[in-house]
């Protein structure tokens, strides 16, 4: 769902930055060293930003 929404129109730039921060660095990146609770929290933030960007009337989000 997250990957599909990142490719859609009106994607939130903040969501893109959060995803980049999560996966940047390969095996040394936050995705692998952050721990399951941290990853769960970050994925929740990403989903929130994607939903907010898709439903906002903000021209920058479109």
C-alpha atoms as a PDB file:
ATOM      1  CA  UNK A   1       0.000   0.000   0.000  1.00  0.00           C
ATOM      2  CA  UNK A   2       2.757   2.478   0.857  1.00  0.00           C
ATOM      3  CA  UNK A   3       4.681   1.799  -2.372  1.00  0.00           C
ATOM      4  CA  UNK A   4       1.509   2.180  -4.446  1.00  0.00           C
ATOM      5  CA  UNK A   5       0.617   5.458  -2.741  1.00  0.00           C
ATOM      6  CA  UNK A   6       4.121   6.839  -3.225  1.00  0.00           C
ATOM      7  CA  UNK A   7       3.695   6.403  -6.981  1.00  0.00           C
ATOM      8  CA  UNK A   8       0.298   8.096  -7.061  1.00  0.00           C
ATOM      9  CA  UNK A   9      -0.545  11.680  -7.828  1.00  0.00           C
ATOM     10  CA  UNK A  10      -0.646  14.142  -4.966  1.00  0.00           C
ATOM     11  CA  UNK A  11       1.912  12.287  -2.867  1.00  0.00           C
ATOM     12  CA  UNK A  12       3.030  14.218   0.187  1.00  0.00           C
ATOM     13  CA  UNK A  13       6.675  15.325  -0.049  1.00  0.00           C
ATOM     14  CA  UNK A  14       6.911  14.717   3.698  1.00  0.00           C
ATOM     15  CA  UNK A  15       5.917  11.063   3.145  1.00  0.00           C
ATOM     16  CA  UNK A  16       8.667  10.675   0.545  1.00  0.00           C
ATOM     17  CA  UNK A  17      11.229  12.114   2.957  1.00  0.00           C
ATOM     18  CA  UNK A  18      10.078   9.798   5.755  1.00  0.00           C
ATOM     19  CA  UNK A  19      10.399   6.745   3.483  1.00  0.00           C
ATOM     20  CA  UNK A  20      13.838   7.858   2.322  1.00  0.00           C
ATOM     21  CA  UNK A  21      14.960   8.301   5.927  1.00  0.00           C
ATOM     22  CA  UNK A  22      13.657   4.840   6.788  1.00  0.00           C
ATOM     23  CA  UNK A  23      15.476   2.956   4.021  1.00  0.00           C
ATOM     24  CA  UNK A  24      18.591   5.081   3.475  1.00  0.00           C
ATOM     25  CA  UNK A  25      21.831   3.342   4.369  1.00  0.00           C
ATOM     26  CA  UNK A  26      21.198  -0.268   3.343  1.00  0.00           C
ATOM     27  CA  UNK A  27      21.803  -2.777   6.138  1.00  0.00           C
ATOM     28  CA  UNK A  28      23.124  -0.005   8.365  1.00  0.00           C
ATOM     29  CA  UNK A  29      19.974   2.044   7.813  1.00  0.00           C
ATOM     30  CA  UNK A  30      17.252   2.765  10.312  1.00  0.00           C
ATOM     31  CA  UNK A  31      15.034   0.046   8.859  1.00  0.00           C
ATOM     32  CA  UNK A  32      17.450  -2.599  10.114  1.00  0.00           C
ATOM     33  CA  UNK A  33      18.833  -1.018  13.274  1.00  0.00           C
ATOM     34  CA  UNK A  34      15.812   0.939  14.548  1.00  0.00           C
ATOM     35  CA  UNK A  35      14.020  -1.958  16.202  1.00  0.00           C
ATOM     36  CA  UNK A  36      10.474  -3.180  15.558  1.00  0.00           C
ATOM     37  CA  UNK A  37       8.711  -0.548  17.668  1.00  0.00           C
ATOM     38  CA  UNK A  38      10.519   2.296  15.968  1.00  0.00           C
ATOM     39  CA  UNK A  39       9.851   0.851  12.491  1.00  0.00           C
ATOM     40  CA  UNK A  40       6.157   0.382  13.339  1.00  0.00           C
ATOM     41  CA  UNK A  41       5.958   4.014  14.488  1.00  0.00           C
ATOM     42  CA  UNK A  42       7.712   5.286  11.346  1.00  0.00           C
ATOM     43  CA  UNK A  43       5.436   3.261   9.068  1.00  0.00           C
ATOM     44  CA  UNK A  44       2.455   4.757  10.895  1.00  0.00           C
ATOM     45  CA  UNK A  45       3.810   8.259  10.271  1.00  0.00           C
ATOM     46  CA  UNK A  46       4.323   7.454   6.601  1.00  0.00           C
ATOM     47  CA  UNK A  47       0.782   6.090   6.224  1.00  0.00           C
ATOM     48  CA  UNK A  48      -0.600   9.175   7.981  1.00  0.00           C
ATOM     49  CA  UNK A  49       1.285  11.541   5.673  1.00  0.00           C
ATOM     50  CA  UNK A  50       0.198   9.631   2.587  1.00  0.00           C
ATOM     51  CA  UNK A  51      -3.442   9.757   3.693  1.00  0.00           C
ATOM     52  CA  UNK A  52      -3.211  13.447   4.596  1.00  0.00           C
ATOM     53  CA  UNK A  53      -1.583  14.310   1.272  1.00  0.00           C
ATOM     54  CA  UNK A  54      -4.215  12.420  -0.702  1.00  0.00           C
ATOM     55  CA  UNK A  55      -7.136  14.036   1.094  1.00  0.00           C
ATOM     56  CA  UNK A  56      -5.896  17.600   1.481  1.00  0.00           C
ATOM     57  CA  UNK A  57      -6.936  20.404  -0.772  1.00  0.00           C
ATOM     58  CA  UNK A  58      -3.407  21.782  -0.618  1.00  0.00           C
ATOM     59  CA  UNK A  59      -2.146  22.549  -4.149  1.00  0.00           C
ATOM     60  CA  UNK A  60       1.395  21.531  -3.114  1.00  0.00           C
ATOM     61  CA  UNK A  61       0.112  18.051  -2.246  1.00  0.00           C
ATOM     62  CA  UNK A  62      -1.291  17.593  -5.749  1.00  0.00           C
END
